[in-house]
Amino acid sequence: MTVAQAFSMGEGFFARPEIRVYGTYLNDRSDSAQLADKSKKNEFLVGVQVEAWF
């Protein structure tokens, strides 16, 4: 599950630049060991993403 908040300079869908702050919860129910730490069953990631058009 991911939750994100976006901030942009201006109004409308095409307003750029845009900064997104997000948090993601990952749960490995299938034991496929896809997480960064192979010994854990779940993980929480936080990040920032920037989108700019030139």
PDB file of N, CA and C in Angstrom:
ATOM      1  N   MET A   1       0.844  -1.146   0.000  1.00  0.00           N
ATOM      2  CA  MET A   1       0.000   0.000   0.000  1.00  0.00           C
ATOM      3  C   MET A   1       0.902   1.224   0.000  1.00  0.00           C
ATOM      4  N   THR A   2       0.561   2.219  -0.802  1.00  0.00           N
ATOM      5  CA  THR A   2       1.330   3.456  -0.885  1.00  0.00           C
ATOM      6  C   THR A   2       0.425   4.650  -0.639  1.00  0.00           C
ATOM      7  N   VAL A   3       0.921   5.599   0.150  1.00  0.00           N
ATOM      8  CA  VAL A   3       0.241   6.863   0.390  1.00  0.00           C
ATOM      9  C   VAL A   3       1.197   7.962  -0.042  1.00  0.00           C
ATOM     10  N   ALA A   4       0.691   8.926  -0.842  1.00  0.00           N
ATOM     11  CA  ALA A   4       1.557   9.985  -1.352  1.00  0.00           C
ATOM     12  C   ALA A   4       0.852  11.329  -1.291  1.00  0.00           C
ATOM     13  N   GLN A   5       1.639  12.377  -1.135  1.00  0.00           N
ATOM     14  CA  GLN A   5       1.149  13.749  -1.185  1.00  0.00           C
ATOM     15  C   GLN A   5       1.961  14.483  -2.237  1.00  0.00           C
ATOM     16  N   ALA A   6       1.279  15.185  -3.152  1.00  0.00           N
ATOM     17  CA  ALA A   6       1.962  15.919  -4.221  1.00  0.00           C
ATOM     18  C   ALA A   6       1.794  17.421  -4.019  1.00  0.00           C
ATOM     19  N   PHE A   7       2.887  18.157  -4.238  1.00  0.00           N
ATOM     20  CA  PHE A   7       2.892  19.611  -4.167  1.00  0.00           C
ATOM     21  C   PHE A   7       3.378  20.141  -5.511  1.00  0.00           C
ATOM     22  N   SER A   8       2.629  21.092  -6.102  1.00  0.00           N
ATOM     23  CA  SER A   8       3.042  21.638  -7.393  1.00  0.00           C
ATOM     24  C   SER A   8       3.016  23.165  -7.349  1.00  0.00           C
ATOM     25  N   MET A   9       3.732  23.761  -8.287  1.00  0.00           N
ATOM     26  CA  MET A   9       3.804  25.211  -8.401  1.00  0.00           C
ATOM     27  C   MET A   9       2.719  25.669  -9.373  1.00  0.00           C
ATOM     28  N   GLY A  10       1.551  25.941  -8.859  1.00  0.00           N
ATOM     29  CA  GLY A  10       0.444  26.371  -9.697  1.00  0.00           C
ATOM     30  C   GLY A  10      -0.716  25.409  -9.599  1.00  0.00           C
ATOM     31  N   GLU A  11      -1.748  25.705 -10.397  1.00  0.00           N
ATOM     32  CA  GLU A  11      -2.953  24.881 -10.386  1.00  0.00           C
ATOM     33  C   GLU A  11      -3.070  24.100 -11.684  1.00  0.00           C
ATOM     34  N   GLY A  12      -3.818  23.038 -11.658  1.00  0.00           N
ATOM     35  CA  GLY A  12      -4.061  22.242 -12.853  1.00  0.00           C
ATOM     36  C   GLY A  12      -3.197  21.001 -12.917  1.00  0.00           C
ATOM     37  N   PHE A  13      -3.594  20.100 -13.819  1.00  0.00           N
ATOM     38  CA  PHE A  13      -2.926  18.813 -13.959  1.00  0.00           C
ATOM     39  C   PHE A  13      -1.489  18.948 -14.465  1.00  0.00           C
ATOM     40  N   PHE A  14      -1.228  19.899 -15.351  1.00  0.00           N
ATOM     41  CA  PHE A  14       0.090  20.040 -15.961  1.00  0.00           C
ATOM     42  C   PHE A  14       0.989  21.052 -15.259  1.00  0.00           C
ATOM     43  N   ALA A  15       0.647  21.496 -14.056  1.00  0.00           N
ATOM     44  CA  ALA A  15       1.485  22.432 -13.309  1.00  0.00           C
ATOM     45  C   ALA A  15       2.761  21.727 -12.860  1.00  0.00           C
ATOM     46  N   ARG A  16       3.888  22.274 -13.229  1.00  0.00           N
ATOM     47  CA  ARG A  16       5.190  21.700 -12.885  1.00  0.00           C
ATOM     48  C   ARG A  16       6.119  22.799 -12.412  1.00  0.00           C
ATOM     49  N   PRO A  17       7.125  22.571 -11.615  1.00  0.00           N
ATOM     50  CA  PRO A  17       7.576  21.287 -11.082  1.00  0.00           C
ATOM     51  C   PRO A  17       6.621  20.772 -10.003  1.00  0.00           C
ATOM     52  N   GLU A  18       6.709  19.468  -9.770  1.00  0.00           N
ATOM     53  CA  GLU A  18       5.882  18.807  -8.769  1.00  0.00           C
ATOM     54  C   GLU A  18       6.779  17.955  -7.879  1.00  0.00           C
ATOM     55  N   ILE A  19       6.542  18.033  -6.596  1.00  0.00           N
ATOM     56  CA  ILE A  19       7.300  17.237  -5.612  1.00  0.00           C
ATOM     57  C   ILE A  19       6.308  16.299  -4.931  1.00  0.00           C
ATOM     58  N   ARG A  20       6.658  15.023  -4.868  1.00  0.00           N
ATOM     59  CA  ARG A  20       5.815  14.027  -4.207  1.00  0.00           C
ATOM     60  C   ARG A  20       6.571  13.406  -3.042  1.00  0.00           C
ATOM     61  N   VAL A  21       5.893  13.296  -1.923  1.00  0.00           N
ATOM     62  CA  VAL A  21       6.429  12.621  -0.740  1.00  0.00           C
ATOM     63  C   VAL A  21       5.561  11.383  -0.548  1.00  0.00           C
ATOM     64  N   TYR A  22       6.189  10.226  -0.370  1.00  0.00           N
ATOM     65  CA  TYR A  22       5.397   9.001  -0.286  1.00  0.00           C
ATOM     66  C   TYR A  22       5.915   8.062   0.803  1.00  0.00           C
ATOM     67  N   GLY A  23       5.023   7.208   1.238  1.00  0.00           N
ATOM     68  CA  GLY A  23       5.348   6.130   2.164  1.00  0.00           C
ATOM     69  C   GLY A  23       4.701   4.858   1.647  1.00  0.00           C
ATOM     70  N   THR A  24       5.454   3.767   1.640  1.00  0.00           N
ATOM     71  CA  THR A  24       4.960   2.493   1.122  1.00  0.00           C
ATOM     72  C   THR A  24       5.187   1.398   2.150  1.00  0.00           C
ATOM     73  N   TYR A  25       4.144   0.607   2.381  1.00  0.00           N
ATOM     74  CA  TYR A  25       4.241  -0.558   3.254  1.00  0.00           C
ATOM     75  C   TYR A  25       4.218  -1.800   2.379  1.00  0.00           C
ATOM     76  N   LEU A  26       5.241  -2.632   2.488  1.00  0.00           N
ATOM     77  CA  LEU A  26       5.342  -3.866   1.711  1.00  0.00           C
ATOM     78  C   LEU A  26       5.238  -5.059   2.652  1.00  0.00           C
ATOM     79  N   ASN A  27       4.442  -6.046   2.244  1.00  0.00           N
ATOM     80  CA  ASN A  27       4.274  -7.262   3.032  1.00  0.00           C
ATOM     81  C   ASN A  27       4.508  -8.450   2.107  1.00  0.00           C
ATOM     82  N   ASP A  28       5.511  -9.262   2.417  1.00  0.00           N
ATOM     83  CA  ASP A  28       5.863 -10.426   1.596  1.00  0.00           C
ATOM     84  C   ASP A  28       5.150 -11.658   2.131  1.00  0.00           C
ATOM     85  N   ARG A  29       3.917 -11.845   1.732  1.00  0.00           N
ATOM     86  CA  ARG A  29       3.119 -12.983   2.211  1.00  0.00           C
ATOM     87  C   ARG A  29       3.496 -14.287   1.519  1.00  0.00           C
ATOM     88  N   SER A  30       4.112 -14.205   0.345  1.00  0.00           N
ATOM     89  CA  SER A  30       4.381 -15.417  -0.436  1.00  0.00           C
ATOM     90  C   SER A  30       5.766 -16.005  -0.176  1.00  0.00           C
ATOM     91  N   ASP A  31       6.528 -15.420   0.745  1.00  0.00           N
ATOM     92  CA  ASP A  31       7.889 -15.888   1.048  1.00  0.00           C
ATOM     93  C   ASP A  31       8.798 -15.890  -0.172  1.00  0.00           C
ATOM     94  N   SER A  32       8.620 -14.925  -1.059  1.00  0.00           N
ATOM     95  CA  SER A  32       9.451 -14.872  -2.266  1.00  0.00           C
ATOM     96  C   SER A  32      10.752 -14.104  -2.044  1.00  0.00           C
ATOM     97  N   ALA A  33      10.942 -13.524  -0.859  1.00  0.00           N
ATOM     98  CA  ALA A  33      12.174 -12.822  -0.487  1.00  0.00           C
ATOM     99  C   ALA A  33      12.500 -11.692  -1.465  1.00  0.00           C
ATOM    100  N   GLN A  34      11.501 -10.903  -1.803  1.00  0.00           N
ATOM    101  CA  GLN A  34      11.701  -9.778  -2.712  1.00  0.00           C
ATOM    102  C   GLN A  34      12.092  -8.488  -1.983  1.00  0.00           C
ATOM    103  N   LEU A  35      12.039  -8.467  -0.668  1.00  0.00           N
ATOM    104  CA  LEU A  35      12.360  -7.272   0.089  1.00  0.00           C
ATOM    105  C   LEU A  35      13.867  -7.095   0.193  1.00  0.00           C
ATOM    106  N   ALA A  36      14.285  -5.877   0.544  1.00  0.00           N
ATOM    107  CA  ALA A  36      15.718  -5.576   0.651  1.00  0.00           C
ATOM    108  C   ALA A  36      16.397  -6.436   1.716  1.00  0.00           C
ATOM    109  N   ASP A  37      15.754  -6.589   2.867  1.00  0.00           N
ATOM    110  CA  ASP A  37      16.275  -7.437   3.935  1.00  0.00           C
ATOM    111  C   ASP A  37      15.558  -8.788   3.840  1.00  0.00           C
ATOM    112  N   LYS A  38      16.233  -9.805   3.367  1.00  0.00           N
ATOM    113  CA  LYS A  38      15.628 -11.109   3.096  1.00  0.00           C
ATOM    114  C   LYS A  38      15.086 -11.806   4.345  1.00  0.00           C
ATOM    115  N   SER A  39      15.527 -11.387   5.527  1.00  0.00           N
ATOM    116  CA  SER A  39      15.076 -12.031   6.756  1.00  0.00           C
ATOM    117  C   SER A  39      13.757 -11.463   7.271  1.00  0.00           C
ATOM    118  N   LYS A  40      13.287 -10.361   6.711  1.00  0.00           N
ATOM    119  CA  LYS A  40      12.050  -9.733   7.172  1.00  0.00           C
ATOM    120  C   LYS A  40      10.864 -10.109   6.301  1.00  0.00           C
ATOM    121  N   LYS A  41       9.670 -10.030   6.878  1.00  0.00           N
ATOM    122  CA  LYS A  41       8.422 -10.304   6.164  1.00  0.00           C
ATOM    123  C   LYS A  41       7.744  -9.021   5.681  1.00  0.00           C
ATOM    124  N   ASN A  42       8.095  -7.859   6.277  1.00  0.00           N
ATOM    125  CA  ASN A  42       7.501  -6.601   5.841  1.00  0.00           C
ATOM    126  C   ASN A  42       8.522  -5.477   5.929  1.00  0.00           C
ATOM    127  N   GLU A  43       8.208  -4.393   5.245  1.00  0.00           N
ATOM    128  CA  GLU A  43       9.137  -3.282   5.148  1.00  0.00           C
ATOM    129  C   GLU A  43       8.345  -1.991   4.939  1.00  0.00           C
ATOM    130  N   PHE A  44       8.860  -0.870   5.438  1.00  0.00           N
ATOM    131  CA  PHE A  44       8.239   0.438   5.215  1.00  0.00           C
ATOM    132  C   PHE A  44       9.263   1.334   4.542  1.00  0.00           C
ATOM    133  N   LEU A  45       8.906   1.895   3.389  1.00  0.00           N
ATOM    134  CA  LEU A  45       9.793   2.753   2.627  1.00  0.00           C
ATOM    135  C   LEU A  45       9.234   4.169   2.587  1.00  0.00           C
ATOM    136  N   VAL A  46      10.125   5.166   2.658  1.00  0.00           N
ATOM    137  CA  VAL A  46       9.744   6.568   2.562  1.00  0.00           C
ATOM    138  C   VAL A  46      10.612   7.191   1.494  1.00  0.00           C
ATOM    139  N   GLY A  47      10.015   8.058   0.671  1.00  0.00           N
ATOM    140  CA  GLY A  47      10.806   8.668  -0.389  1.00  0.00           C
ATOM    141  C   GLY A  47      10.249   9.994  -0.862  1.00  0.00           C
ATOM    142  N   VAL A  48      11.040  10.656  -1.697  1.00  0.00           N
ATOM    143  CA  VAL A  48      10.672  11.925  -2.317  1.00  0.00           C
ATOM    144  C   VAL A  48      10.927  11.781  -3.811  1.00  0.00           C
ATOM    145  N   GLN A  49      10.010  12.296  -4.608  1.00  0.00           N
ATOM    146  CA  GLN A  49      10.118  12.215  -6.063  1.00  0.00           C
ATOM    147  C   GLN A  49       9.870  13.607  -6.636  1.00  0.00           C
ATOM    148  N   VAL A  50      10.656  14.006  -7.610  1.00  0.00           N
ATOM    149  CA  VAL A  50      10.515  15.323  -8.242  1.00  0.00           C
ATOM    150  C   VAL A  50      10.261  15.126  -9.731  1.00  0.00           C
ATOM    151  N   GLU A  51       9.290  15.864 -10.249  1.00  0.00           N
ATOM    152  CA  GLU A  51       9.006  15.834 -11.684  1.00  0.00           C
ATOM    153  C   GLU A  51       9.061  17.267 -12.209  1.00  0.00           C
ATOM    154  N   ALA A  52       9.881  17.484 -13.225  1.00  0.00           N
ATOM    155  CA  ALA A  52      10.012  18.817 -13.824  1.00  0.00           C
ATOM    156  C   ALA A  52      10.103  18.681 -15.341  1.00  0.00           C
ATOM    157  N   TRP A  53       9.463  19.576 -16.037  1.00  0.00           N
ATOM    158  CA  TRP A  53       9.523  19.603 -17.498  1.00  0.00           C
ATOM    159  C   TRP A  53      10.322  20.809 -17.934  1.00  0.00           C
ATOM    160  N   PHE A  54      11.130  20.633 -18.974  1.00  0.00           N
ATOM    161  CA  PHE A  54      11.933  21.740 -19.505  1.00  0.00           C
ATOM    162  C   PHE A  54      11.532  22.045 -20.912  1.00  0.00           C
TER     163      PHE A  54
END
